[in-house]
Protein backbone atom coordinates (compact mmCIF):
# COMPACT_ATOMS: atom_id res chain seq x y z
CA MET A 1 12.57 -17.34 25.17
CA LEU A 2 10.39 -16.51 22.81
CA LEU A 3 7.73 -17.80 24.28
CA ILE A 4 8.86 -17.09 27.83
CA ALA A 5 7.70 -13.72 26.26
CA MET A 6 4.74 -14.39 25.48
CA GLU A 7 3.35 -16.50 28.54
CA PHE A 8 4.75 -13.99 30.23
CA ILE A 9 2.63 -11.13 28.32
CA GLN A 10 -0.40 -13.53 28.16
CA THR A 11 -0.42 -14.05 31.79
CA ARG A 12 -0.32 -10.25 32.52
CA MET A 13 -2.87 -9.48 30.13
CA ASP A 14 -5.42 -12.37 31.22
CA ALA A 15 -7.16 -9.55 33.68
CA TYR A 16 -7.85 -7.57 30.49
CA GLN A 17 -8.20 -9.40 27.79
CA SER A 18 -9.09 -12.40 27.23
CA THR A 19 -6.50 -13.17 24.05
CA LEU A 20 -3.38 -12.03 23.50
CA ARG A 21 -3.08 -11.05 19.78
CA LEU A 22 0.69 -10.40 18.21
CA TYR A 23 1.32 -8.39 15.19
CA LEU A 24 3.75 -9.94 12.20
CA GLU A 25 5.04 -7.98 10.19
CA GLU A 26 6.57 -9.42 6.53
CA THR A 27 8.58 -6.99 4.64
CA TYR A 28 9.29 -7.05 1.03
CA MET A 29 12.44 -6.15 -0.59
CA PRO A 30 11.70 -5.38 -3.77
CA ILE A 31 14.66 -5.28 -5.64
CA SER A 32 15.68 -8.84 -4.90
CA ASP A 33 12.21 -10.20 -3.91
CA LYS A 34 12.86 -11.84 -0.96
CA LEU A 35 12.09 -11.63 2.55
CA SER A 36 14.18 -9.54 4.77
CA THR A 37 14.64 -9.11 8.33
CA LEU A 38 14.78 -5.36 10.21
CA LYS A 39 18.27 -5.28 10.35
CA GLY A 40 18.78 -5.78 6.69
CA VAL A 41 15.80 -3.45 5.17
CA PHE A 42 17.50 -0.57 7.53
CA ALA A 43 21.22 -1.64 7.12
CA HIS A 44 20.25 -0.05 3.20
CA PRO A 45 19.53 2.98 2.19
CA SER A 46 16.01 2.33 2.20
CA LEU A 47 13.00 4.20 2.49
CA MET A 48 9.07 3.50 3.96
CA ILE A 49 6.21 3.54 1.99
CA PHE A 50 2.69 3.68 2.61
CA ILE A 51 0.65 2.29 0.58
CA LYS A 52 -3.48 2.70 -0.69
CA TYR A 53 -5.42 0.51 -2.70
CA PHE A 54 -8.13 2.98 -4.71
CA ASP A 55 -11.06 0.40 -6.31
CA PRO A 56 -13.16 2.41 -9.04
CA LYS A 57 -15.84 -0.14 -8.62
CA THR A 58 -16.79 0.22 -5.55
CA GLN A 59 -15.56 4.11 -5.09
CA ILE A 60 -12.84 2.58 -1.81
CA ILE A 61 -9.84 3.54 -0.89
CA GLU A 62 -7.56 0.76 1.23
CA PRO A 63 -7.05 1.35 4.03
CA GLN A 64 -10.73 4.08 4.96
CA SER A 65 -12.30 2.58 7.57
CA ASP A 66 -10.97 0.13 10.62
CA VAL A 67 -12.50 -2.89 8.41
CA ALA A 68 -11.03 -1.76 5.29
CA LEU A 69 -7.90 -1.37 7.13
CA GLU A 70 -7.84 -5.46 8.08
CA LEU A 71 -9.14 -6.28 4.80
CA CYS A 72 -6.18 -4.24 3.16
CA VAL A 73 -3.53 -6.32 6.02
CA ASN A 74 -4.67 -9.31 4.61
CA ARG A 75 -4.62 -8.06 0.92
CA GLY A 76 -2.01 -5.82 0.37
CA CYS A 77 -2.21 -1.78 1.11
CA GLY A 78 -0.08 -0.98 4.35
CA LYS A 79 3.72 -0.23 3.66
CA LEU A 80 6.27 -1.47 1.94
CA TYR A 81 10.04 -0.85 2.51
CA VAL A 82 11.95 -0.02 -0.74
CA LYS A 83 15.63 0.67 -2.16
CA ARG A 84 16.00 4.95 -2.49
CA ASN A 85 17.31 3.57 -6.03
CA GLY A 86 15.42 0.90 -6.62
CA LYS A 87 13.02 1.55 -9.53
CA VAL A 88 9.10 1.72 -8.92
CA ARG A 89 8.22 -0.35 -11.07
CA ASP A 90 9.66 -3.00 -9.05
CA ILE A 91 6.75 -3.18 -6.75
CA ILE A 92 3.81 -3.45 -9.16
CA PRO A 93 4.60 -6.95 -8.84
CA ILE A 94 4.40 -6.68 -5.19
CA LEU A 95 1.23 -5.28 -4.86
CA ASN A 96 -0.57 -7.17 -7.60
CA MET A 97 0.56 -10.66 -5.20
CA LYS A 98 -0.46 -8.62 -2.10
CA LYS A 99 -3.23 -7.37 -3.35
CA GLY A 100 -4.58 -11.75 -4.72
CA PHE A 101 -4.13 -10.23 -8.36
CA PRO A 102 -2.10 -12.17 -10.92
CA LEU A 103 1.66 -10.59 -10.75
CA ASN A 104 1.09 -8.97 -14.65
CA THR A 105 -1.69 -7.15 -13.97
CA ALA A 106 -0.72 -3.63 -15.56
CA LEU A 107 -1.43 -1.13 -12.35
CA LYS A 108 -0.74 3.17 -12.58
CA LEU A 109 0.71 4.74 -9.18
CA PHE A 110 0.27 7.45 -7.97
CA GLU A 111 2.32 9.60 -4.85
CA GLU A 112 -0.55 11.20 -2.60
CA ILE A 113 1.50 14.56 -1.79
CA LYS A 114 -2.27 15.91 0.25
CA PRO A 115 -5.78 14.85 -0.36
CA SER A 116 -6.19 17.63 -2.92
CA MET A 117 -2.83 16.48 -4.62
CA ILE A 118 -2.41 13.55 -6.35
CA ASP A 119 0.47 13.18 -8.59
CA PRO A 120 1.12 9.79 -11.72
CA MET A 121 4.34 8.65 -10.82
CA LYS A 122 6.73 7.56 -14.29
CA THR A 123 7.38 3.94 -13.47
CA PRO A 124 10.69 3.40 -14.84
CA THR A 125 12.07 6.12 -12.38
CA THR A 126 14.13 5.60 -9.35
CA PHE A 127 12.20 6.23 -6.16
CA GLN A 128 14.85 9.21 -5.09
CA GLN A 129 13.88 10.77 -8.68
CA ALA A 130 10.67 10.81 -7.76
CA GLU A 131 11.46 12.17 -4.51
CA ILE A 132 9.51 10.15 -2.61
CA GLN A 133 10.85 10.33 1.03
CA ASP A 134 10.34 8.12 4.41
CA GLY A 135 6.57 7.93 5.20
CA ASP A 136 5.18 8.62 1.46
CA ILE A 137 1.78 7.56 0.12
CA ILE A 138 1.46 6.45 -3.16
CA CYS A 139 -1.44 5.09 -4.75
CA PHE A 140 -2.19 2.35 -6.70
CA GLN A 141 -5.37 1.17 -8.85
CA LYS A 142 -5.73 -1.13 -11.91
CA GLU A 143 -5.33 0.05 -15.30
CA ILE A 144 -8.47 0.84 -16.92
CA SER A 145 -9.57 1.42 -20.29
CA ASP A 146 -10.74 4.43 -21.69
CA ARG A 147 -14.32 2.75 -22.43
CA GLU A 148 -14.19 1.26 -18.55
CA ALA A 149 -13.39 5.25 -17.73
CA ALA A 150 -16.33 6.56 -19.47
CA GLU A 151 -18.59 4.04 -17.70
CA TYR A 152 -17.64 4.99 -14.71
CA LYS A 153 -18.25 8.79 -15.65
CA LEU A 154 -21.77 8.41 -17.47
CA GLN A 155 -22.61 6.48 -13.25
CA GLY A 156 -21.11 9.65 -11.62
CA TYR A 157 -18.34 7.56 -10.62
CA ALA A 158 -14.51 8.70 -10.30
CA ALA A 159 -12.31 6.80 -12.63
CA THR A 160 -8.80 7.13 -11.28
CA ILE A 161 -8.49 8.84 -8.10
CA ILE A 162 -7.20 11.97 -9.24
CA GLU A 163 -11.14 12.05 -9.66
CA PHE A 164 -11.80 10.52 -6.72
CA PHE A 165 -9.95 12.63 -4.57
CA GLY A 166 -10.90 15.66 -6.74
CA GLN A 167 -15.17 14.66 -5.91
CA LEU A 168 -14.48 14.80 -2.24
CA VAL A 169 -12.65 18.06 -2.19
CA LYS A 170 -15.69 19.23 -3.61
CA LYS A 171 -17.78 17.96 -0.82
């Protein structure tokens, strides 16, 4: 049935475009690490959260542009579906996997309330306790040492996403 529908769409689109692109979304359930169907996700009290990655080496937040968005889709930003009563720390292995980092890579997570208000998150809490709601943005970065942070600051770089947004607001 799907094949017939896709052929029909491609035939109708041929006049406008030579290629047909299909968007397919994988959903990860952090508690069980299993792929879920959308029906399964919405059958439980769940939230859709948006994810941004900050790299202090490049001073880039993904997604930031169409190019970064394309990289981010392939490397792990975008969105996740999580359970309200799930622990914030449960998404860390998923974020590592999606970015291609070793699964035990230490990450720092932040809630982006607005660009001038970024709060560090306590990972042992649940999303509900952290007051995360549908559509909220969670930013993350690799955890860095004090020495690395000092080196970034000497170069005039932001060492954390909080500092990065602070620099943007001041400009």
